[in-house]
């Protein structure tokens, strides 16, 4: 496999950093939202608030990485598809990647928007204010959070499909697709 067939080091760093953050953010998001508020039994407001702050900050980092990734794609391009891919594999790969790109922007943006609207201020790692200039009613925020959750579930399912396809190329097909993004 030539260098032209492999993603650049910046592409790979951003890919794996984004993957690690998403893999961490999803279970943290589910866990933090399951912690009850006082006076309910098991309430732990300090833990809940801390997890929310980490979740918001790392979600914004994912959004920044998505911007960087698109900028890299535009300025550096990407390797061409592996010639051994079938037409179905090319279509499935393209559709999955495009939808993942959309969701990697949309999921954190929706969380940022809803939090800015009703639960501001939003600070990046407790320090840098990044609240969006929108306000809203609790019902609107709740609806946006539901879409945030639904799109996060869809993104998680696509990540599983993406990982499954990558492993299939590594273990079964053995066509070098996996090595194109491996560090």
N, C-alpha and C. Protein backbone atom coordinates (compact mmCIF):
# COMPACT_ATOMS: atom_id res chain seq x y z
N UNK A 1 0.86 -1.18 0.00
CA UNK A 1 0.00 0.00 0.00
C UNK A 1 0.89 1.23 0.00
N UNK A 2 0.69 2.12 -0.96
CA UNK A 2 1.52 3.32 -1.09
C UNK A 2 1.04 4.40 -0.13
N UNK A 3 1.89 5.43 0.06
CA UNK A 3 1.53 6.56 0.92
C UNK A 3 0.29 7.26 0.40
N UNK A 4 0.07 7.28 -0.91
CA UNK A 4 -1.10 7.94 -1.49
C UNK A 4 -2.40 7.23 -1.12
N UNK A 5 -2.29 5.97 -0.69
CA UNK A 5 -3.48 5.19 -0.33
C UNK A 5 -3.80 5.25 1.16
N UNK A 6 -2.95 5.94 1.93
CA UNK A 6 -3.09 6.00 3.38
C UNK A 6 -3.48 7.43 3.77
N UNK A 7 -4.35 7.56 4.77
CA UNK A 7 -4.72 8.89 5.26
C UNK A 7 -3.52 9.54 5.92
N UNK A 8 -3.45 10.86 5.84
CA UNK A 8 -2.33 11.59 6.42
C UNK A 8 -2.35 11.46 7.94
N UNK A 9 -1.22 11.76 8.55
CA UNK A 9 -1.13 11.69 10.02
C UNK A 9 -2.16 12.62 10.68
N UNK A 10 -2.32 13.87 10.24
CA UNK A 10 -3.37 14.70 10.86
C UNK A 10 -4.77 14.09 10.72
N UNK A 11 -5.08 13.51 9.55
CA UNK A 11 -6.39 12.84 9.39
C UNK A 11 -6.55 11.73 10.43
N UNK A 12 -5.51 10.93 10.58
CA UNK A 12 -5.60 9.79 11.50
C UNK A 12 -5.71 10.26 12.95
N UNK A 13 -4.96 11.27 13.32
CA UNK A 13 -5.03 11.78 14.70
C UNK A 13 -6.44 12.29 15.01
N UNK A 14 -6.98 13.09 14.09
CA UNK A 14 -8.32 13.63 14.31
C UNK A 14 -9.37 12.51 14.32
N UNK A 15 -9.23 11.54 13.43
CA UNK A 15 -10.16 10.41 13.38
C UNK A 15 -10.18 9.68 14.72
N UNK A 16 -9.01 9.29 15.22
CA UNK A 16 -8.95 8.49 16.43
C UNK A 16 -9.29 9.31 17.68
N UNK A 17 -8.95 10.59 17.70
CA UNK A 17 -9.34 11.44 18.84
C UNK A 17 -10.86 11.59 18.87
N UNK A 18 -11.46 11.81 17.71
CA UNK A 18 -12.93 11.92 17.63
C UNK A 18 -13.58 10.62 18.06
N UNK A 19 -13.06 9.51 17.57
CA UNK A 19 -13.61 8.20 17.92
C UNK A 19 -13.54 7.97 19.43
N UNK A 20 -12.39 8.25 20.03
CA UNK A 20 -12.24 8.05 21.48
C UNK A 20 -13.21 8.93 22.27
N UNK A 21 -13.35 10.17 21.85
CA UNK A 21 -14.27 11.07 22.56
C UNK A 21 -15.71 10.61 22.42
N UNK A 22 -16.13 10.23 21.22
CA UNK A 22 -17.51 9.77 21.04
C UNK A 22 -17.77 8.50 21.84
N UNK A 23 -16.82 7.59 21.82
CA UNK A 23 -16.98 6.35 22.58
C UNK A 23 -17.10 6.63 24.07
N UNK A 24 -16.44 7.68 24.55
CA UNK A 24 -16.57 8.06 25.96
C UNK A 24 -17.80 8.90 26.25
N UNK A 25 -18.16 9.78 25.33
CA UNK A 25 -19.28 10.70 25.57
C UNK A 25 -20.63 10.00 25.64
N UNK A 26 -20.83 8.98 24.84
CA UNK A 26 -22.15 8.32 24.81
C UNK A 26 -22.48 7.68 26.16
N UNK A 27 -21.63 6.80 26.71
CA UNK A 27 -21.99 6.23 28.01
C UNK A 27 -22.04 7.27 29.14
N UNK A 28 -21.17 8.27 29.09
CA UNK A 28 -21.22 9.32 30.11
C UNK A 28 -22.54 10.07 30.00
N UNK A 29 -22.97 10.38 28.77
CA UNK A 29 -24.24 11.07 28.59
C UNK A 29 -25.42 10.27 29.14
N UNK A 30 -25.41 8.97 28.88
CA UNK A 30 -26.49 8.12 29.39
C UNK A 30 -26.43 8.06 30.92
N UNK A 31 -25.23 7.87 31.46
CA UNK A 31 -25.08 7.76 32.92
C UNK A 31 -25.46 9.05 33.62
N UNK A 32 -24.95 10.19 33.13
CA UNK A 32 -25.21 11.45 33.82
C UNK A 32 -26.70 11.79 33.83
N UNK A 33 -27.39 11.46 32.74
CA UNK A 33 -28.81 11.77 32.70
C UNK A 33 -29.63 10.81 33.55
N UNK A 34 -29.02 9.70 33.97
CA UNK A 34 -29.75 8.75 34.84
C UNK A 34 -29.59 9.08 36.33
N UNK A 35 -28.66 9.96 36.67
CA UNK A 35 -28.47 10.34 38.07
C UNK A 35 -29.63 11.23 38.47
N UNK A 36 -30.35 10.86 39.52
CA UNK A 36 -31.52 11.65 39.90
C UNK A 36 -31.13 13.00 40.53
N UNK A 37 -32.07 13.92 40.47
CA UNK A 37 -31.90 15.21 41.14
C UNK A 37 -32.41 15.09 42.58
N UNK A 38 -31.87 15.90 43.49
CA UNK A 38 -32.40 15.91 44.86
C UNK A 38 -33.87 16.32 44.82
N UNK A 39 -34.69 15.85 45.69
CA UNK A 39 -34.43 15.04 46.88
C UNK A 39 -34.57 13.54 46.63
N UNK A 40 -34.50 13.11 45.40
CA UNK A 40 -34.67 11.69 45.08
C UNK A 40 -33.53 10.86 45.67
N UNK A 41 -33.83 9.60 46.02
CA UNK A 41 -32.78 8.72 46.53
C UNK A 41 -31.69 8.53 45.46
N UNK A 42 -30.45 8.50 45.89
CA UNK A 42 -29.33 8.30 44.98
C UNK A 42 -28.89 9.58 44.29
N UNK A 43 -29.49 10.70 44.66
CA UNK A 43 -29.12 11.97 44.04
C UNK A 43 -27.67 12.33 44.41
N UNK A 44 -26.95 12.79 43.44
CA UNK A 44 -25.58 13.23 43.67
C UNK A 44 -25.35 14.43 42.75
N UNK A 45 -25.82 15.61 43.19
CA UNK A 45 -25.75 16.77 42.30
C UNK A 45 -24.32 17.16 41.92
N UNK A 46 -23.37 16.97 42.80
CA UNK A 46 -21.99 17.34 42.46
C UNK A 46 -21.47 16.46 41.32
N UNK A 47 -21.72 15.17 41.40
CA UNK A 47 -21.29 14.26 40.35
C UNK A 47 -22.03 14.56 39.05
N UNK A 48 -23.34 14.75 39.14
CA UNK A 48 -24.15 15.03 37.94
C UNK A 48 -23.66 16.30 37.26
N UNK A 49 -23.47 17.37 38.02
CA UNK A 49 -23.02 18.64 37.44
C UNK A 49 -21.63 18.52 36.84
N UNK A 50 -20.76 17.80 37.50
CA UNK A 50 -19.40 17.62 36.99
C UNK A 50 -19.42 16.84 35.67
N UNK A 51 -20.20 15.75 35.63
CA UNK A 51 -20.29 14.97 34.40
C UNK A 51 -20.89 15.80 33.26
N UNK A 52 -21.90 16.62 33.57
CA UNK A 52 -22.48 17.49 32.55
C UNK A 52 -21.43 18.46 32.00
N UNK A 53 -20.63 19.03 32.88
CA UNK A 53 -19.60 19.98 32.43
C UNK A 53 -18.57 19.29 31.54
N UNK A 54 -18.12 18.10 31.94
CA UNK A 54 -17.16 17.36 31.11
C UNK A 54 -17.79 16.99 29.77
N UNK A 55 -19.04 16.52 29.82
CA UNK A 55 -19.75 16.11 28.61
C UNK A 55 -19.89 17.28 27.64
N UNK A 56 -20.30 18.44 28.16
CA UNK A 56 -20.45 19.62 27.30
C UNK A 56 -19.11 20.03 26.70
N UNK A 57 -18.08 20.06 27.51
CA UNK A 57 -16.76 20.51 27.03
C UNK A 57 -16.21 19.56 25.98
N UNK A 58 -16.25 18.26 26.26
CA UNK A 58 -15.71 17.32 25.28
C UNK A 58 -16.60 17.23 24.04
N UNK A 59 -17.90 17.48 24.19
CA UNK A 59 -18.78 17.56 23.02
C UNK A 59 -18.37 18.72 22.13
N UNK A 60 -18.02 19.85 22.72
CA UNK A 60 -17.55 20.99 21.94
C UNK A 60 -16.20 20.69 21.28
N UNK A 61 -15.36 19.91 21.95
CA UNK A 61 -14.10 19.50 21.34
C UNK A 61 -14.37 18.64 20.11
N UNK A 62 -15.35 17.73 20.20
CA UNK A 62 -15.73 16.91 19.04
C UNK A 62 -16.17 17.82 17.89
N UNK A 63 -16.94 18.84 18.19
CA UNK A 63 -17.38 19.78 17.16
C UNK A 63 -16.18 20.50 16.53
N UNK A 64 -15.23 20.92 17.34
CA UNK A 64 -14.02 21.57 16.80
C UNK A 64 -13.20 20.60 15.95
N UNK A 65 -13.10 19.35 16.39
CA UNK A 65 -12.38 18.36 15.60
C UNK A 65 -13.09 18.10 14.27
N UNK A 66 -14.41 18.14 14.28
CA UNK A 66 -15.17 17.94 13.04
C UNK A 66 -14.86 19.07 12.05
N UNK A 67 -14.78 20.29 12.55
CA UNK A 67 -14.44 21.42 11.68
C UNK A 67 -13.03 21.22 11.12
N UNK A 68 -12.10 20.83 11.99
CA UNK A 68 -10.72 20.59 11.55
C UNK A 68 -10.66 19.47 10.52
N UNK A 69 -11.46 18.45 10.74
CA UNK A 69 -11.46 17.30 9.83
C UNK A 69 -11.97 17.68 8.44
N UNK A 70 -13.02 18.46 8.39
CA UNK A 70 -13.54 18.91 7.10
C UNK A 70 -12.52 19.84 6.43
N UNK A 71 -11.90 20.71 7.20
CA UNK A 71 -10.87 21.60 6.64
C UNK A 71 -9.72 20.78 6.04
N UNK A 72 -9.31 19.73 6.74
CA UNK A 72 -8.26 18.85 6.21
C UNK A 72 -8.71 18.16 4.93
N UNK A 73 -9.95 17.70 4.94
CA UNK A 73 -10.48 17.00 3.76
C UNK A 73 -10.50 17.93 2.56
N UNK A 74 -10.88 19.19 2.79
CA UNK A 74 -10.95 20.16 1.70
C UNK A 74 -9.55 20.54 1.22
N UNK A 75 -8.63 20.74 2.16
CA UNK A 75 -7.30 21.23 1.77
C UNK A 75 -6.35 20.12 1.33
N UNK A 76 -6.46 18.94 1.94
CA UNK A 76 -5.53 17.85 1.61
C UNK A 76 -6.17 16.74 0.78
N UNK A 77 -7.48 16.69 0.79
CA UNK A 77 -8.15 15.59 0.11
C UNK A 77 -8.03 14.31 0.92
N UNK A 78 -8.50 13.23 0.35
CA UNK A 78 -8.41 11.91 0.98
C UNK A 78 -7.98 10.90 -0.07
N UNK A 79 -7.47 9.77 0.38
CA UNK A 79 -7.07 8.75 -0.59
C UNK A 79 -8.28 8.26 -1.40
N UNK A 80 -8.04 7.80 -2.61
CA UNK A 80 -9.14 7.26 -3.41
C UNK A 80 -9.64 5.95 -2.80
N UNK A 81 -10.87 5.55 -3.12
CA UNK A 81 -11.37 4.27 -2.60
C UNK A 81 -10.47 3.12 -3.05
N UNK A 82 -10.42 2.09 -2.22
CA UNK A 82 -9.65 0.90 -2.58
C UNK A 82 -10.31 0.29 -3.80
N UNK A 83 -9.54 -0.04 -4.83
CA UNK A 83 -10.13 -0.53 -6.08
C UNK A 83 -10.87 -1.86 -5.94
N UNK A 84 -10.59 -2.62 -4.89
CA UNK A 84 -11.24 -3.92 -4.74
C UNK A 84 -12.64 -3.83 -4.14
N UNK A 85 -13.06 -2.64 -3.73
CA UNK A 85 -14.40 -2.51 -3.16
C UNK A 85 -15.46 -2.74 -4.23
N UNK A 86 -16.51 -3.43 -3.84
CA UNK A 86 -17.64 -3.62 -4.75
C UNK A 86 -18.44 -2.31 -4.82
N UNK A 87 -19.32 -2.22 -5.80
CA UNK A 87 -20.16 -1.03 -5.93
C UNK A 87 -20.99 -0.83 -4.65
N UNK A 88 -21.55 -1.90 -4.12
CA UNK A 88 -22.33 -1.81 -2.88
C UNK A 88 -21.46 -1.29 -1.74
N UNK A 89 -20.24 -1.81 -1.60
CA UNK A 89 -19.35 -1.37 -0.53
C UNK A 89 -19.01 0.12 -0.66
N UNK A 90 -18.79 0.57 -1.88
CA UNK A 90 -18.49 2.00 -2.10
C UNK A 90 -19.68 2.87 -1.71
N UNK A 91 -20.88 2.45 -2.11
CA UNK A 91 -22.08 3.22 -1.78
C UNK A 91 -22.31 3.21 -0.27
N UNK A 92 -22.22 2.03 0.34
CA UNK A 92 -22.43 1.91 1.79
C UNK A 92 -21.39 2.72 2.56
N UNK A 93 -20.15 2.63 2.13
CA UNK A 93 -19.08 3.38 2.78
C UNK A 93 -19.30 4.88 2.66
N UNK A 94 -19.61 5.33 1.46
CA UNK A 94 -19.85 6.77 1.24
C UNK A 94 -21.02 7.28 2.05
N UNK A 95 -22.12 6.53 2.04
CA UNK A 95 -23.31 6.95 2.79
C UNK A 95 -23.02 6.99 4.29
N UNK A 96 -22.35 5.96 4.80
CA UNK A 96 -22.03 5.90 6.23
C UNK A 96 -21.12 7.06 6.62
N UNK A 97 -20.08 7.29 5.84
CA UNK A 97 -19.15 8.37 6.16
C UNK A 97 -19.83 9.74 6.10
N UNK A 98 -20.63 9.98 5.07
CA UNK A 98 -21.31 11.27 4.97
C UNK A 98 -22.27 11.48 6.14
N UNK A 99 -23.02 10.45 6.48
CA UNK A 99 -23.96 10.58 7.60
C UNK A 99 -23.21 10.75 8.92
N UNK A 100 -22.10 10.05 9.08
CA UNK A 100 -21.30 10.24 10.30
C UNK A 100 -20.79 11.68 10.39
N UNK A 101 -20.34 12.23 9.28
CA UNK A 101 -19.90 13.63 9.29
C UNK A 101 -21.03 14.55 9.74
N UNK A 102 -22.20 14.37 9.17
CA UNK A 102 -23.35 15.20 9.54
C UNK A 102 -23.64 15.06 11.03
N UNK A 103 -23.65 13.83 11.52
CA UNK A 103 -23.98 13.61 12.93
C UNK A 103 -22.89 14.10 13.87
N UNK A 104 -21.64 14.04 13.45
CA UNK A 104 -20.55 14.52 14.30
C UNK A 104 -20.65 16.04 14.46
N UNK A 105 -21.27 16.71 13.52
CA UNK A 105 -21.57 18.14 13.68
C UNK A 105 -22.88 18.34 14.44
N UNK A 106 -23.90 17.62 14.04
CA UNK A 106 -25.25 17.86 14.54
C UNK A 106 -25.41 17.51 16.02
N UNK A 107 -24.91 16.37 16.45
CA UNK A 107 -25.12 15.93 17.84
C UNK A 107 -24.55 16.95 18.83
N UNK A 108 -23.26 17.33 18.72
CA UNK A 108 -22.78 18.31 19.70
C UNK A 108 -23.43 19.68 19.54
N UNK A 109 -23.73 20.07 18.29
CA UNK A 109 -24.37 21.38 18.11
C UNK A 109 -25.72 21.42 18.81
N UNK A 110 -26.52 20.37 18.69
CA UNK A 110 -27.83 20.35 19.34
C UNK A 110 -27.71 20.41 20.86
N UNK A 111 -26.75 19.68 21.42
CA UNK A 111 -26.52 19.75 22.86
C UNK A 111 -26.10 21.15 23.28
N UNK A 112 -25.22 21.77 22.51
CA UNK A 112 -24.75 23.13 22.79
C UNK A 112 -25.91 24.12 22.70
N UNK A 113 -26.72 23.98 21.66
CA UNK A 113 -27.86 24.88 21.46
C UNK A 113 -28.85 24.78 22.61
N UNK A 114 -29.26 23.57 22.96
CA UNK A 114 -30.25 23.40 24.03
C UNK A 114 -29.71 23.90 25.37
N UNK A 115 -28.45 23.60 25.64
CA UNK A 115 -27.87 24.04 26.90
C UNK A 115 -27.76 25.56 26.93
N UNK A 116 -27.36 26.15 25.83
CA UNK A 116 -27.25 27.62 25.75
C UNK A 116 -28.62 28.27 25.95
N UNK A 117 -29.65 27.66 25.37
CA UNK A 117 -30.99 28.25 25.42
C UNK A 117 -31.59 28.27 26.82
N UNK A 118 -31.37 27.21 27.58
CA UNK A 118 -32.09 27.09 28.85
C UNK A 118 -31.21 26.86 30.08
N UNK A 119 -29.99 26.46 29.89
CA UNK A 119 -29.18 26.09 31.05
C UNK A 119 -27.80 26.74 31.03
N UNK A 120 -27.70 27.90 30.38
CA UNK A 120 -26.42 28.59 30.30
C UNK A 120 -25.97 29.08 31.66
N UNK A 121 -24.78 29.51 31.78
CA UNK A 121 -23.84 29.67 30.68
C UNK A 121 -23.17 28.34 30.32
N UNK A 122 -22.68 28.27 29.10
CA UNK A 122 -21.88 27.12 28.65
C UNK A 122 -20.44 27.60 28.65
N UNK A 123 -19.61 26.89 29.40
CA UNK A 123 -18.19 27.22 29.47
C UNK A 123 -17.38 26.02 29.03
N UNK A 124 -16.35 26.28 28.25
CA UNK A 124 -15.45 25.21 27.81
C UNK A 124 -14.49 24.92 28.96
N UNK A 125 -14.60 23.72 29.52
CA UNK A 125 -13.79 23.29 30.66
C UNK A 125 -13.83 24.32 31.79
N UNK A 126 -15.03 24.77 32.13
CA UNK A 126 -15.31 25.65 33.25
C UNK A 126 -14.74 27.05 33.10
N UNK A 127 -14.10 27.38 31.98
CA UNK A 127 -13.39 28.66 31.91
C UNK A 127 -13.82 29.57 30.77
N UNK A 128 -13.81 29.09 29.55
CA UNK A 128 -14.04 29.95 28.38
C UNK A 128 -15.53 29.97 28.05
N UNK A 129 -16.19 31.14 28.15
CA UNK A 129 -17.62 31.19 27.85
C UNK A 129 -17.88 31.00 26.36
N UNK A 130 -18.77 30.07 26.04
CA UNK A 130 -19.11 29.77 24.65
C UNK A 130 -20.63 29.63 24.47
N UNK A 131 -21.39 30.28 25.33
CA UNK A 131 -22.84 30.20 25.24
C UNK A 131 -23.32 30.83 23.95
N UNK A 132 -24.20 30.12 23.25
CA UNK A 132 -24.81 30.67 22.03
C UNK A 132 -25.84 31.73 22.42
N UNK A 133 -26.04 32.75 21.60
CA UNK A 133 -26.94 33.86 21.95
C UNK A 133 -28.41 33.56 21.65
N UNK A 134 -28.91 32.48 22.20
CA UNK A 134 -30.31 32.11 22.01
C UNK A 134 -30.93 31.83 23.37
N UNK A 135 -32.21 32.11 23.49
CA UNK A 135 -32.92 31.72 24.71
C UNK A 135 -34.16 30.96 24.28
N UNK A 136 -34.70 30.20 25.19
CA UNK A 136 -35.87 29.40 24.84
C UNK A 136 -36.64 28.95 26.06
N UNK A 137 -37.77 28.37 25.79
CA UNK A 137 -38.62 27.83 26.84
C UNK A 137 -38.18 26.40 27.17
N UNK A 138 -38.45 25.94 28.38
CA UNK A 138 -38.06 24.58 28.75
C UNK A 138 -38.60 23.51 27.79
N UNK A 139 -39.79 23.70 27.25
CA UNK A 139 -40.35 22.73 26.31
C UNK A 139 -39.53 22.65 25.02
N UNK A 140 -39.06 23.79 24.55
CA UNK A 140 -38.23 23.82 23.35
C UNK A 140 -36.91 23.13 23.61
N UNK A 141 -36.29 23.44 24.76
CA UNK A 141 -35.01 22.81 25.12
C UNK A 141 -35.18 21.31 25.26
N UNK A 142 -36.26 20.90 25.88
CA UNK A 142 -36.51 19.48 26.06
C UNK A 142 -36.64 18.78 24.71
N UNK A 143 -37.31 19.42 23.76
CA UNK A 143 -37.46 18.83 22.42
C UNK A 143 -36.10 18.73 21.73
N UNK A 144 -35.27 19.77 21.87
CA UNK A 144 -33.94 19.73 21.25
C UNK A 144 -33.09 18.65 21.89
N UNK A 145 -33.18 18.50 23.21
CA UNK A 145 -32.43 17.43 23.88
C UNK A 145 -32.87 16.05 23.41
N UNK A 146 -34.17 15.87 23.15
CA UNK A 146 -34.64 14.58 22.63
C UNK A 146 -34.04 14.30 21.26
N UNK A 147 -33.97 15.32 20.41
CA UNK A 147 -33.35 15.14 19.10
C UNK A 147 -31.85 14.88 19.27
N UNK A 148 -31.21 15.59 20.21
CA UNK A 148 -29.80 15.36 20.52
C UNK A 148 -29.58 13.89 20.90
N UNK A 149 -30.44 13.39 21.77
CA UNK A 149 -30.32 11.99 22.20
C UNK A 149 -30.57 11.04 21.03
N UNK A 150 -31.61 11.28 20.26
CA UNK A 150 -31.93 10.41 19.13
C UNK A 150 -30.83 10.38 18.09
N UNK A 151 -30.26 11.54 17.78
CA UNK A 151 -29.18 11.58 16.81
C UNK A 151 -27.91 10.94 17.38
N UNK A 152 -27.71 11.04 18.70
CA UNK A 152 -26.56 10.37 19.33
C UNK A 152 -26.72 8.85 19.23
N UNK A 153 -27.96 8.36 19.40
CA UNK A 153 -28.21 6.92 19.25
C UNK A 153 -27.93 6.49 17.82
N UNK A 154 -28.41 7.26 16.85
CA UNK A 154 -28.15 6.95 15.44
C UNK A 154 -26.65 6.97 15.16
N UNK A 155 -25.94 7.95 15.68
CA UNK A 155 -24.50 8.03 15.48
C UNK A 155 -23.81 6.81 16.09
N UNK A 156 -24.25 6.39 17.27
CA UNK A 156 -23.67 5.21 17.92
C UNK A 156 -23.87 3.97 17.06
N UNK A 157 -25.06 3.80 16.51
CA UNK A 157 -25.33 2.65 15.64
C UNK A 157 -24.44 2.70 14.40
N UNK A 158 -24.28 3.89 13.82
CA UNK A 158 -23.40 4.02 12.65
C UNK A 158 -21.94 3.75 13.01
N UNK A 159 -21.53 4.16 14.20
CA UNK A 159 -20.15 3.87 14.65
C UNK A 159 -19.97 2.36 14.75
N UNK A 160 -20.96 1.65 15.30
CA UNK A 160 -20.87 0.18 15.37
C UNK A 160 -20.76 -0.42 13.97
N UNK A 161 -21.55 0.08 13.03
CA UNK A 161 -21.49 -0.41 11.65
C UNK A 161 -20.13 -0.11 11.04
N UNK A 162 -19.62 1.08 11.29
CA UNK A 162 -18.32 1.51 10.77
C UNK A 162 -17.20 0.61 11.33
N UNK A 163 -17.22 0.37 12.62
CA UNK A 163 -16.21 -0.50 13.25
C UNK A 163 -16.35 -1.92 12.72
N UNK A 164 -17.58 -2.39 12.61
CA UNK A 164 -17.80 -3.74 12.07
C UNK A 164 -17.26 -3.88 10.66
N UNK A 165 -17.51 -2.89 9.82
CA UNK A 165 -17.00 -2.95 8.45
C UNK A 165 -15.47 -2.89 8.42
N UNK A 166 -14.89 -2.03 9.28
CA UNK A 166 -13.42 -1.94 9.34
C UNK A 166 -12.82 -3.27 9.77
N UNK A 167 -13.43 -3.90 10.77
CA UNK A 167 -12.92 -5.21 11.23
C UNK A 167 -13.11 -6.28 10.16
N UNK A 168 -14.21 -6.20 9.42
CA UNK A 168 -14.42 -7.16 8.33
C UNK A 168 -13.30 -7.02 7.29
N UNK A 169 -12.94 -5.78 6.97
CA UNK A 169 -11.85 -5.56 6.01
C UNK A 169 -10.52 -6.03 6.58
N UNK A 170 -10.33 -5.92 7.88
CA UNK A 170 -9.07 -6.35 8.49
C UNK A 170 -8.96 -7.86 8.58
N UNK A 171 -10.03 -8.52 9.05
CA UNK A 171 -9.97 -9.95 9.38
C UNK A 171 -10.43 -10.85 8.24
N UNK A 172 -11.49 -10.47 7.54
CA UNK A 172 -12.08 -11.34 6.54
C UNK A 172 -11.57 -11.04 5.14
N UNK A 173 -11.75 -9.80 4.69
CA UNK A 173 -11.41 -9.43 3.31
C UNK A 173 -9.91 -9.23 3.15
N UNK A 174 -9.28 -8.66 4.16
CA UNK A 174 -7.82 -8.44 4.17
C UNK A 174 -7.34 -7.66 2.95
N UNK A 175 -8.02 -6.52 2.69
CA UNK A 175 -7.70 -5.75 1.49
C UNK A 175 -6.95 -4.45 1.78
N UNK A 176 -6.56 -4.22 3.02
CA UNK A 176 -5.78 -3.03 3.35
C UNK A 176 -6.61 -1.81 3.73
N UNK A 177 -7.92 -1.90 3.67
CA UNK A 177 -8.76 -0.76 4.02
C UNK A 177 -8.50 -0.30 5.46
N UNK A 178 -8.40 -1.25 6.38
CA UNK A 178 -8.19 -0.93 7.78
C UNK A 178 -6.89 -0.18 7.99
N UNK A 179 -5.83 -0.59 7.30
CA UNK A 179 -4.51 0.01 7.49
C UNK A 179 -4.46 1.46 7.01
N UNK A 180 -5.41 1.85 6.17
CA UNK A 180 -5.41 3.23 5.66
C UNK A 180 -5.61 4.25 6.77
N UNK A 181 -6.32 3.88 7.84
CA UNK A 181 -6.59 4.82 8.94
C UNK A 181 -5.88 4.42 10.23
N UNK A 182 -5.29 3.24 10.26
CA UNK A 182 -4.61 2.78 11.48
C UNK A 182 -3.35 3.61 11.72
N UNK A 183 -3.08 4.00 12.97
CA UNK A 183 -1.91 4.86 13.25
C UNK A 183 -0.60 4.30 12.81
